[in-house]
Amino acid sequence: MNDFITFMAAPALGCMVMTLIFTYFGIHVLRRGIVFIDLSMAQLAALGTTVAFAMNVEEHSYGSILFSMGFVFLGALFFTLARYIAPRISQEAVIGIIYVLAASLAVIVADRSPRAAEHIQHTLNGSILWITWGGVLKLFTAFVILGGFLWISRKSFYKCSTQSNSPEPYTRNQALWDFIFYLMLGLAIVACIETAGIFLIFTLLIIPAACGIQMFDSLGKQWVTGIALGILVSWVGLAISFAYDLPTGSTLVCAFGISFITTLGFSFLSRK
């Protein structure tokens, strides 16, 4: 038990912090019907770290973070302009195009390095097991600042999310708030891409929010339920990973997948 607390306390707290912010974003992403936006933004953030890696910039350094932020900014701008300029093209199509482009570019860039396979594997699965207390504090600080802005802007974000599928013309004001939303999501991903990896970020963003939406109608209840579920499942996943010496990131993703299937099962059984 003492060994578990020693090794898993920081990763458990890190998962809790990420669950708080990503569940909120996930609810809005699902309301907007752009499920794969986080995969695309995470891949852009990973492309930034890959470019920095190829240029021998130290991993987890501020230089690497700046590269990720730059690609995320360009992605947020492109997604907004694409919807404004070409409204007839599905936003999911644009998101998918950018995802495969960013992933392919990352492979091309990383191919020049002798540690390419290791780096690509790291961007997918992350290293949540090795997060330190200092890393948790940095993550918490970044998310408190980001969370403050999200709270101030919550009404505008909610309005844009509820109107995302409206047949009304896409206005410049909507485009501005969409850009801010994409950018905030991208910055949240940048803060933890090297720790969590693309797969776990997608999992934390979508599954707790999806379970909350399945169970409740109000955004507040969806968020609280998603947070509670996310924390519980992440801690169970960490415990299983520790007990059976399994890859931590992959175990967490599987634990969340099982929780989602279980939620659907309960919903089916409770139907009248």
C-alpha atoms as a PDB file:
ATOM      1  CA  MET A   1       0.000   0.000   0.000  1.00  0.00           C
ATOM      2  CA  ASN A   2       2.813   2.399   0.887  1.00  0.00           C
ATOM      3  CA  ASP A   3       4.541   1.637  -2.429  1.00  0.00           C
ATOM      4  CA  PHE A   4       1.328   2.354  -4.300  1.00  0.00           C
ATOM      5  CA  ILE A   5       0.922   5.734  -2.610  1.00  0.00           C
ATOM      6  CA  THR A   6       4.575   6.586  -3.252  1.00  0.00           C
ATOM      7  CA  PHE A   7       4.453   5.780  -6.968  1.00  0.00           C
ATOM      8  CA  MET A   8       0.867   6.651  -7.857  1.00  0.00           C
ATOM      9  CA  ALA A   9      -0.056   9.675  -5.719  1.00  0.00           C
ATOM     10  CA  ALA A  10       1.301  12.247  -8.194  1.00  0.00           C
ATOM     11  CA  PRO A  11      -0.173  10.502 -11.296  1.00  0.00           C
ATOM     12  CA  ALA A  12      -3.538  10.176  -9.486  1.00  0.00           C
ATOM     13  CA  LEU A  13      -3.603  13.878  -8.658  1.00  0.00           C
ATOM     14  CA  GLY A  14      -2.473  14.713 -12.200  1.00  0.00           C
ATOM     15  CA  CYS A  15      -5.371  12.707 -13.641  1.00  0.00           C
ATOM     16  CA  MET A  16      -7.771  14.486 -11.285  1.00  0.00           C
ATOM     17  CA  VAL A  17      -6.563  17.917 -12.395  1.00  0.00           C
ATOM     18  CA  MET A  18      -6.847  17.001 -16.074  1.00  0.00           C
ATOM     19  CA  THR A  19     -10.320  15.530 -15.542  1.00  0.00           C
ATOM     20  CA  LEU A  20     -11.588  18.822 -14.091  1.00  0.00           C
ATOM     21  CA  ILE A  21     -10.739  20.865 -17.172  1.00  0.00           C
ATOM     22  CA  PHE A  22     -11.150  18.286 -19.943  1.00  0.00           C
ATOM     23  CA  THR A  23     -14.625  17.221 -18.827  1.00  0.00           C
ATOM     24  CA  TYR A  24     -15.787  20.815 -19.255  1.00  0.00           C
ATOM     25  CA  PHE A  25     -14.237  21.050 -22.703  1.00  0.00           C
ATOM     26  CA  GLY A  26     -15.613  17.615 -23.598  1.00  0.00           C
ATOM     27  CA  ILE A  27     -19.207  18.625 -22.886  1.00  0.00           C
ATOM     28  CA  HIS A  28     -18.866  21.584 -25.246  1.00  0.00           C
ATOM     29  CA  VAL A  29     -17.111  19.482 -27.885  1.00  0.00           C
ATOM     30  CA  LEU A  30     -19.945  16.925 -27.839  1.00  0.00           C
ATOM     31  CA  ARG A  31     -22.582  19.652 -27.961  1.00  0.00           C
ATOM     32  CA  ARG A  32     -20.857  21.122 -31.009  1.00  0.00           C
ATOM     33  CA  GLY A  33     -20.565  17.724 -32.700  1.00  0.00           C
ATOM     34  CA  ILE A  34     -16.802  18.028 -33.278  1.00  0.00           C
ATOM     35  CA  VAL A  35     -15.686  14.930 -31.416  1.00  0.00           C
ATOM     36  CA  PHE A  36     -12.279  14.644 -33.042  1.00  0.00           C
ATOM     37  CA  ILE A  37     -11.217  18.268 -32.533  1.00  0.00           C
ATOM     38  CA  ASP A  38      -9.112  17.234 -29.528  1.00  0.00           C
ATOM     39  CA  LEU A  39      -7.345  14.503 -31.508  1.00  0.00           C
ATOM     40  CA  SER A  40      -6.508  17.036 -34.186  1.00  0.00           C
ATOM     41  CA  MET A  41      -5.375  19.684 -31.707  1.00  0.00           C
ATOM     42  CA  ALA A  42      -3.395  17.092 -29.725  1.00  0.00           C
ATOM     43  CA  GLN A  43      -1.710  15.950 -32.923  1.00  0.00           C
ATOM     44  CA  LEU A  44      -0.834  19.551 -33.767  1.00  0.00           C
ATOM     45  CA  ALA A  45       0.617  19.988 -30.272  1.00  0.00           C
ATOM     46  CA  ALA A  46       2.551  16.740 -30.756  1.00  0.00           C
ATOM     47  CA  LEU A  47       3.777  17.986 -34.139  1.00  0.00           C
ATOM     48  CA  GLY A  48       5.159  21.023 -32.337  1.00  0.00           C
ATOM     49  CA  THR A  49       7.065  18.862 -29.856  1.00  0.00           C
ATOM     50  CA  THR A  50       8.285  16.679 -32.741  1.00  0.00           C
ATOM     51  CA  VAL A  51       9.640  19.671 -34.654  1.00  0.00           C
ATOM     52  CA  ALA A  52      11.332  20.864 -31.458  1.00  0.00           C
ATOM     53  CA  PHE A  53      12.683  17.332 -30.914  1.00  0.00           C
ATOM     54  CA  ALA A  54      14.111  17.244 -34.455  1.00  0.00           C
ATOM     55  CA  MET A  55      15.793  20.610 -33.814  1.00  0.00           C
ATOM     56  CA  ASN A  56      17.387  19.214 -30.646  1.00  0.00           C
ATOM     57  CA  VAL A  57      15.286  21.363 -28.345  1.00  0.00           C
ATOM     58  CA  GLU A  58      15.155  19.751 -24.908  1.00  0.00           C
ATOM     59  CA  GLU A  59      11.952  17.834 -24.183  1.00  0.00           C
ATOM     60  CA  HIS A  60       9.602  19.355 -21.564  1.00  0.00           C
ATOM     61  CA  SER A  61      11.416  22.686 -21.976  1.00  0.00           C
ATOM     62  CA  TYR A  62       9.798  26.073 -22.587  1.00  0.00           C
ATOM     63  CA  GLY A  63      11.155  25.974 -26.123  1.00  0.00           C
ATOM     64  CA  SER A  64       9.285  22.747 -26.834  1.00  0.00           C
ATOM     65  CA  ILE A  65       6.118  24.212 -25.312  1.00  0.00           C
ATOM     66  CA  LEU A  66       6.387  27.312 -27.518  1.00  0.00           C
ATOM     67  CA  PHE A  67       6.607  25.132 -30.633  1.00  0.00           C
ATOM     68  CA  SER A  68       3.434  23.302 -29.560  1.00  0.00           C
ATOM     69  CA  MET A  69       1.645  26.562 -28.803  1.00  0.00           C
ATOM     70  CA  GLY A  70       2.538  27.893 -32.234  1.00  0.00           C
ATOM     71  CA  PHE A  71       1.049  24.919 -34.066  1.00  0.00           C
ATOM     72  CA  VAL A  72      -2.035  24.951 -31.838  1.00  0.00           C
ATOM     73  CA  PHE A  73      -2.570  28.645 -32.567  1.00  0.00           C
ATOM     74  CA  LEU A  74      -2.366  28.018 -36.312  1.00  0.00           C
ATOM     75  CA  GLY A  75      -4.777  25.091 -35.979  1.00  0.00           C
ATOM     76  CA  ALA A  76      -7.326  27.148 -34.027  1.00  0.00           C
ATOM     77  CA  LEU A  77      -7.097  29.908 -36.623  1.00  0.00           C
ATOM     78  CA  PHE A  78      -7.453  27.486 -39.530  1.00  0.00           C
ATOM     79  CA  PHE A  79     -10.490  25.675 -38.076  1.00  0.00           C
ATOM     80  CA  THR A  80     -12.236  28.999 -37.512  1.00  0.00           C
ATOM     81  CA  LEU A  81     -11.457  30.404 -40.948  1.00  0.00           C
ATOM     82  CA  ALA A  82     -12.396  27.136 -42.673  1.00  0.00           C
ATOM     83  CA  ARG A  83     -15.866  27.233 -41.134  1.00  0.00           C
ATOM     84  CA  TYR A  84     -16.267  30.912 -41.963  1.00  0.00           C
ATOM     85  CA  ILE A  85     -14.979  30.679 -45.549  1.00  0.00           C
ATOM     86  CA  ALA A  86     -16.327  27.226 -46.500  1.00  0.00           C
ATOM     87  CA  PRO A  87     -19.543  26.594 -44.498  1.00  0.00           C
ATOM     88  CA  ARG A  88     -20.633  23.868 -46.950  1.00  0.00           C
ATOM     89  CA  ILE A  89     -17.747  21.629 -45.869  1.00  0.00           C
ATOM     90  CA  SER A  90     -18.350  19.636 -42.690  1.00  0.00           C
ATOM     91  CA  GLN A  91     -16.246  20.821 -39.760  1.00  0.00           C
ATOM     92  CA  GLU A  92     -15.452  17.186 -38.933  1.00  0.00           C
ATOM     93  CA  ALA A  93     -14.016  16.756 -42.428  1.00  0.00           C
ATOM     94  CA  VAL A  94     -11.708  19.735 -41.923  1.00  0.00           C
ATOM     95  CA  ILE A  95     -10.679  18.411 -38.505  1.00  0.00           C
ATOM     96  CA  GLY A  96      -9.917  14.986 -39.979  1.00  0.00           C
ATOM     97  CA  ILE A  97      -7.852  16.464 -42.797  1.00  0.00           C
ATOM     98  CA  ILE A  98      -5.715  18.465 -40.379  1.00  0.00           C
ATOM     99  CA  TYR A  99      -5.289  15.439 -38.114  1.00  0.00           C
ATOM    100  CA  VAL A 100      -3.895  13.155 -40.829  1.00  0.00           C
ATOM    101  CA  LEU A 101      -1.763  16.001 -42.213  1.00  0.00           C
ATOM    102  CA  ALA A 102      -0.262  16.765 -38.789  1.00  0.00           C
ATOM    103  CA  ALA A 103       0.287  13.068 -38.041  1.00  0.00           C
ATOM    104  CA  SER A 104       2.011  12.491 -41.383  1.00  0.00           C
ATOM    105  CA  LEU A 105       4.201  15.563 -40.958  1.00  0.00           C
ATOM    106  CA  ALA A 106       5.196  14.371 -37.488  1.00  0.00           C
ATOM    107  CA  VAL A 107       6.279  11.007 -38.932  1.00  0.00           C
ATOM    108  CA  ILE A 108       8.291  12.724 -41.687  1.00  0.00           C
ATOM    109  CA  VAL A 109       9.991  15.103 -39.256  1.00  0.00           C
ATOM    110  CA  ALA A 110      10.702  12.424 -36.637  1.00  0.00           C
ATOM    111  CA  ASP A 111      12.064  10.043 -39.271  1.00  0.00           C
ATOM    112  CA  ARG A 112      15.254  12.094 -39.364  1.00  0.00           C
ATOM    113  CA  SER A 113      16.026  11.163 -35.776  1.00  0.00           C
ATOM    114  CA  PRO A 114      17.485   7.826 -34.596  1.00  0.00           C
ATOM    115  CA  ARG A 115      14.934   7.846 -31.734  1.00  0.00           C
ATOM    116  CA  ALA A 116      11.938   8.493 -34.011  1.00  0.00           C
ATOM    117  CA  ALA A 117       9.917   5.411 -33.055  1.00  0.00           C
ATOM    118  CA  GLU A 118      10.436   6.076 -29.351  1.00  0.00           C
ATOM    119  CA  HIS A 119       9.357   9.699 -29.708  1.00  0.00           C
ATOM    120  CA  ILE A 120       6.209   8.868 -31.713  1.00  0.00           C
ATOM    121  CA  GLN A 121       5.286   6.207 -29.140  1.00  0.00           C
ATOM    122  CA  HIS A 122       5.755   8.754 -26.378  1.00  0.00           C
ATOM    123  CA  THR A 123       3.486  11.330 -28.034  1.00  0.00           C
ATOM    124  CA  LEU A 124       0.730   8.724 -28.335  1.00  0.00           C
ATOM    125  CA  ASN A 125       0.909   7.195 -24.852  1.00  0.00           C
ATOM    126  CA  GLY A 126       2.579   9.912 -22.798  1.00  0.00           C
ATOM    127  CA  SER A 127       4.300   9.245 -19.479  1.00  0.00           C
ATOM    128  CA  ILE A 128       1.673   9.949 -16.826  1.00  0.00           C
ATOM    129  CA  LEU A 129       3.390   7.466 -14.502  1.00  0.00           C
ATOM    130  CA  TRP A 130       6.465   9.696 -14.290  1.00  0.00           C
ATOM    131  CA  ILE A 131       4.772  13.001 -13.567  1.00  0.00           C
ATOM    132  CA  THR A 132       6.375  14.686 -10.553  1.00  0.00           C
ATOM    133  CA  TRP A 133       4.816  16.810  -7.824  1.00  0.00           C
ATOM    134  CA  GLY A 134       6.389  19.804  -9.546  1.00  0.00           C
ATOM    135  CA  GLY A 135       4.711  18.754 -12.773  1.00  0.00           C
ATOM    136  CA  VAL A 136       1.360  18.431 -11.020  1.00  0.00           C
ATOM    137  CA  LEU A 137       1.769  21.913  -9.534  1.00  0.00           C
ATOM    138  CA  LYS A 138       2.582  23.405 -12.951  1.00  0.00           C
ATOM    139  CA  LEU A 139      -0.421  21.649 -14.465  1.00  0.00           C
ATOM    140  CA  PHE A 140      -2.695  22.845 -11.672  1.00  0.00           C
ATOM    141  CA  THR A 141      -1.454  26.435 -11.968  1.00  0.00           C
ATOM    142  CA  ALA A 142      -1.937  26.487 -15.742  1.00  0.00           C
ATOM    143  CA  PHE A 143      -5.447  25.059 -15.438  1.00  0.00           C
ATOM    144  CA  VAL A 144      -6.444  27.495 -12.674  1.00  0.00           C
ATOM    145  CA  ILE A 145      -5.519  30.404 -14.951  1.00  0.00           C
ATOM    146  CA  LEU A 146      -7.273  28.786 -17.906  1.00  0.00           C
ATOM    147  CA  GLY A 147     -10.273  27.866 -15.756  1.00  0.00           C
ATOM    148  CA  GLY A 148     -10.643  31.481 -14.643  1.00  0.00           C
ATOM    149  CA  PHE A 149     -10.903  32.606 -18.250  1.00  0.00           C
ATOM    150  CA  LEU A 150     -13.359  29.809 -19.041  1.00  0.00           C
ATOM    151  CA  TRP A 151     -15.543  30.884 -16.125  1.00  0.00           C
ATOM    152  CA  ILE A 152     -15.582  34.495 -17.305  1.00  0.00           C
ATOM    153  CA  SER A 153     -16.427  33.390 -20.857  1.00  0.00           C
ATOM    154  CA  ARG A 154     -18.823  30.557 -19.944  1.00  0.00           C
ATOM    155  CA  LYS A 155     -21.985  32.280 -21.269  1.00  0.00           C
ATOM    156  CA  SER A 156     -20.427  33.051 -24.652  1.00  0.00           C
ATOM    157  CA  PHE A 157     -19.057  29.507 -24.981  1.00  0.00           C
ATOM    158  CA  TYR A 158     -22.420  28.014 -24.013  1.00  0.00           C
ATOM    159  CA  LYS A 159     -24.237  30.181 -26.557  1.00  0.00           C
ATOM    160  CA  CYS A 160     -21.843  29.209 -29.347  1.00  0.00           C
ATOM    161  CA  SER A 161     -22.094  25.514 -28.441  1.00  0.00           C
ATOM    162  CA  THR A 162     -25.911  25.544 -28.488  1.00  0.00           C
ATOM    163  CA  GLN A 163     -25.952  27.428 -31.804  1.00  0.00           C
ATOM    164  CA  SER A 164     -23.224  25.411 -33.506  1.00  0.00           C
ATOM    165  CA  ASN A 165     -25.685  23.428 -35.647  1.00  0.00           C
ATOM    166  CA  SER A 166     -27.999  26.350 -36.306  1.00  0.00           C
ATOM    167  CA  PRO A 167     -28.943  27.004 -39.968  1.00  0.00           C
ATOM    168  CA  GLU A 168     -28.389  30.726 -39.334  1.00  0.00           C
ATOM    169  CA  PRO A 169     -25.390  32.378 -41.068  1.00  0.00           C
ATOM    170  CA  TYR A 170     -22.067  32.031 -39.275  1.00  0.00           C
ATOM    171  CA  THR A 171     -21.233  35.484 -37.923  1.00  0.00           C
ATOM    172  CA  ARG A 172     -17.882  37.081 -37.187  1.00  0.00           C
ATOM    173  CA  ASN A 173     -18.733  37.193 -33.507  1.00  0.00           C
ATOM    174  CA  GLN A 174     -19.338  33.430 -33.486  1.00  0.00           C
ATOM    175  CA  ALA A 175     -16.100  32.936 -35.390  1.00  0.00           C
ATOM    176  CA  LEU A 176     -14.194  34.959 -32.788  1.00  0.00           C
ATOM    177  CA  TRP A 177     -15.576  32.922 -29.883  1.00  0.00           C
ATOM    178  CA  ASP A 178     -14.978  29.675 -31.750  1.00  0.00           C
ATOM    179  CA  PHE A 179     -11.360  30.695 -32.281  1.00  0.00           C
ATOM    180  CA  ILE A 180     -10.997  31.468 -28.574  1.00  0.00           C
ATOM    181  CA  PHE A 181     -12.576  28.119 -27.668  1.00  0.00           C
ATOM    182  CA  TYR A 182     -10.257  26.190 -29.996  1.00  0.00           C
ATOM    183  CA  LEU A 183      -7.255  28.111 -28.700  1.00  0.00           C
ATOM    184  CA  MET A 184      -8.142  27.500 -25.037  1.00  0.00           C
ATOM    185  CA  LEU A 185      -8.653  23.793 -25.734  1.00  0.00           C
ATOM    186  CA  GLY A 186      -5.338  23.706 -27.579  1.00  0.00           C
ATOM    187  CA  LEU A 187      -3.493  25.400 -24.720  1.00  0.00           C
ATOM    188  CA  ALA A 188      -4.975  22.910 -22.237  1.00  0.00           C
ATOM    189  CA  ILE A 189      -3.702  20.094 -24.458  1.00  0.00           C
ATOM    190  CA  VAL A 190      -0.252  21.695 -24.783  1.00  0.00           C
ATOM    191  CA  ALA A 191      -0.002  21.814 -20.992  1.00  0.00           C
ATOM    192  CA  CYS A 192      -0.183  18.031 -20.732  1.00  0.00           C
ATOM    193  CA  ILE A 193       0.602  16.528 -24.156  1.00  0.00           C
ATOM    194  CA  GLU A 194       4.053  15.303 -23.135  1.00  0.00           C
ATOM    195  CA  THR A 195       2.709  13.885 -19.867  1.00  0.00           C
ATOM    196  CA  ALA A 196      -0.610  12.332 -20.903  1.00  0.00           C
ATOM    197  CA  GLY A 197      -0.167  11.654 -24.622  1.00  0.00           C
ATOM    198  CA  ILE A 198      -2.752  11.850 -27.399  1.00  0.00           C
ATOM    199  CA  PHE A 199      -4.758   8.727 -26.479  1.00  0.00           C
ATOM    200  CA  LEU A 200      -5.268   9.594 -22.806  1.00  0.00           C
ATOM    201  CA  ILE A 201      -6.117  13.217 -23.602  1.00  0.00           C
ATOM    202  CA  PHE A 202      -8.820  12.102 -26.029  1.00  0.00           C
ATOM    203  CA  THR A 203     -10.121   9.657 -23.430  1.00  0.00           C
ATOM    204  CA  LEU A 204     -10.282  12.233 -20.624  1.00  0.00           C
ATOM    205  CA  LEU A 205     -11.943  14.761 -22.902  1.00  0.00           C
ATOM    206  CA  ILE A 206     -14.676  12.552 -24.356  1.00  0.00           C
ATOM    207  CA  ILE A 207     -15.598   9.622 -22.113  1.00  0.00           C
ATOM    208  CA  PRO A 208     -16.371  11.377 -18.776  1.00  0.00           C
ATOM    209  CA  ALA A 209     -18.322  14.069 -20.656  1.00  0.00           C
ATOM    210  CA  ALA A 210     -20.202  11.458 -22.723  1.00  0.00           C
ATOM    211  CA  CYS A 211     -21.188   9.547 -19.585  1.00  0.00           C
ATOM    212  CA  GLY A 212     -22.361  12.762 -17.900  1.00  0.00           C
ATOM    213  CA  ILE A 213     -24.428  13.738 -20.940  1.00  0.00           C
ATOM    214  CA  GLN A 214     -25.959  10.269 -21.074  1.00  0.00           C
ATOM    215  CA  MET A 215     -27.096  10.535 -17.451  1.00  0.00           C
ATOM    216  CA  PHE A 216     -28.198  14.174 -17.095  1.00  0.00           C
ATOM    217  CA  ASP A 217     -29.533  17.105 -19.127  1.00  0.00           C
ATOM    218  CA  SER A 218     -28.054  20.153 -17.375  1.00  0.00           C
ATOM    219  CA  LEU A 219     -24.468  21.177 -18.077  1.00  0.00           C
ATOM    220  CA  GLY A 220     -23.689  21.507 -14.375  1.00  0.00           C
ATOM    221  CA  LYS A 221     -24.785  17.971 -13.523  1.00  0.00           C
ATOM    222  CA  GLN A 222     -23.026  16.614 -16.611  1.00  0.00           C
ATOM    223  CA  TRP A 223     -19.794  18.283 -15.528  1.00  0.00           C
ATOM    224  CA  VAL A 224     -19.952  17.114 -11.892  1.00  0.00           C
ATOM    225  CA  THR A 225     -20.871  13.565 -12.933  1.00  0.00           C
ATOM    226  CA  GLY A 226     -18.104  13.469 -15.523  1.00  0.00           C
ATOM    227  CA  ILE A 227     -15.564  14.704 -12.988  1.00  0.00           C
ATOM    228  CA  ALA A 228     -16.604  12.156 -10.353  1.00  0.00           C
ATOM    229  CA  LEU A 229     -16.520   9.324 -12.882  1.00  0.00           C
ATOM    230  CA  GLY A 230     -13.220  10.500 -14.368  1.00  0.00           C
ATOM    231  CA  ILE A 231     -11.477  10.651 -11.004  1.00  0.00           C
ATOM    232  CA  LEU A 232     -12.830   7.282  -9.854  1.00  0.00           C
ATOM    233  CA  VAL A 233     -11.996   5.453 -13.086  1.00  0.00           C
ATOM    234  CA  SER A 234      -8.533   7.011 -13.395  1.00  0.00           C
ATOM    235  CA  TRP A 235      -7.653   5.935  -9.864  1.00  0.00           C
ATOM    236  CA  VAL A 236      -8.975   2.424 -10.479  1.00  0.00           C
ATOM    237  CA  GLY A 237      -6.963   2.266 -13.708  1.00  0.00           C
ATOM    238  CA  LEU A 238      -3.812   3.374 -11.907  1.00  0.00           C
ATOM    239  CA  ALA A 239      -4.368   0.735  -9.225  1.00  0.00           C
ATOM    240  CA  ILE A 240      -4.787  -2.010 -11.839  1.00  0.00           C
ATOM    241  CA  SER A 241      -1.701  -0.806 -13.692  1.00  0.00           C
ATOM    242  CA  PHE A 242       0.333  -0.875 -10.481  1.00  0.00           C
ATOM    243  CA  ALA A 243      -0.972  -4.257  -9.299  1.00  0.00           C
ATOM    244  CA  TYR A 244      -0.386  -6.095 -12.587  1.00  0.00           C
ATOM    245  CA  ASP A 245       2.585  -4.064 -13.904  1.00  0.00           C
ATOM    246  CA  LEU A 246       0.681  -2.944 -17.017  1.00  0.00           C
ATOM    247  CA  PRO A 247       1.391   0.079 -19.269  1.00  0.00           C
ATOM    248  CA  THR A 248      -0.227   2.929 -17.356  1.00  0.00           C
ATOM    249  CA  GLY A 249      -1.591   5.054 -20.210  1.00  0.00           C
ATOM    250  CA  SER A 250      -3.094   2.119 -22.089  1.00  0.00           C
ATOM    251  CA  THR A 251      -4.594   0.692 -18.891  1.00  0.00           C
ATOM    252  CA  LEU A 252      -6.263   4.025 -18.138  1.00  0.00           C
ATOM    253  CA  VAL A 253      -7.724   4.222 -21.638  1.00  0.00           C
ATOM    254  CA  CYS A 254      -9.117   0.673 -21.340  1.00  0.00           C
ATOM    255  CA  ALA A 255     -10.562   1.411 -17.887  1.00  0.00           C
ATOM    256  CA  PHE A 256     -12.396   4.439 -19.261  1.00  0.00           C
ATOM    257  CA  GLY A 257     -13.621   2.433 -22.236  1.00  0.00           C
ATOM    258  CA  ILE A 258     -15.090  -0.176 -19.915  1.00  0.00           C
ATOM    259  CA  SER A 259     -16.728   2.556 -17.809  1.00  0.00           C
ATOM    260  CA  PHE A 260     -18.384   3.969 -20.936  1.00  0.00           C
ATOM    261  CA  ILE A 261     -19.721   0.556 -21.982  1.00  0.00           C
ATOM    262  CA  THR A 262     -20.956   0.009 -18.419  1.00  0.00           C
ATOM    263  CA  THR A 263     -22.755   3.371 -18.460  1.00  0.00           C
ATOM    264  CA  LEU A 264     -24.500   2.415 -21.688  1.00  0.00           C
ATOM    265  CA  GLY A 265     -25.463  -0.901 -20.133  1.00  0.00           C
ATOM    266  CA  PHE A 266     -27.041   0.769 -17.103  1.00  0.00           C
ATOM    267  CA  SER A 267     -28.865   3.205 -19.385  1.00  0.00           C
ATOM    268  CA  PHE A 268     -30.284   0.319 -21.403  1.00  0.00           C
ATOM    269  CA  LEU A 269     -31.425  -1.576 -18.308  1.00  0.00           C
ATOM    270  CA  SER A 270     -33.047   1.522 -16.819  1.00  0.00           C
ATOM    271  CA  ARG A 271     -35.105   2.254 -19.931  1.00  0.00           C
ATOM    272  CA  LYS A 272     -38.822   1.702 -19.487  1.00  0.00           C
END
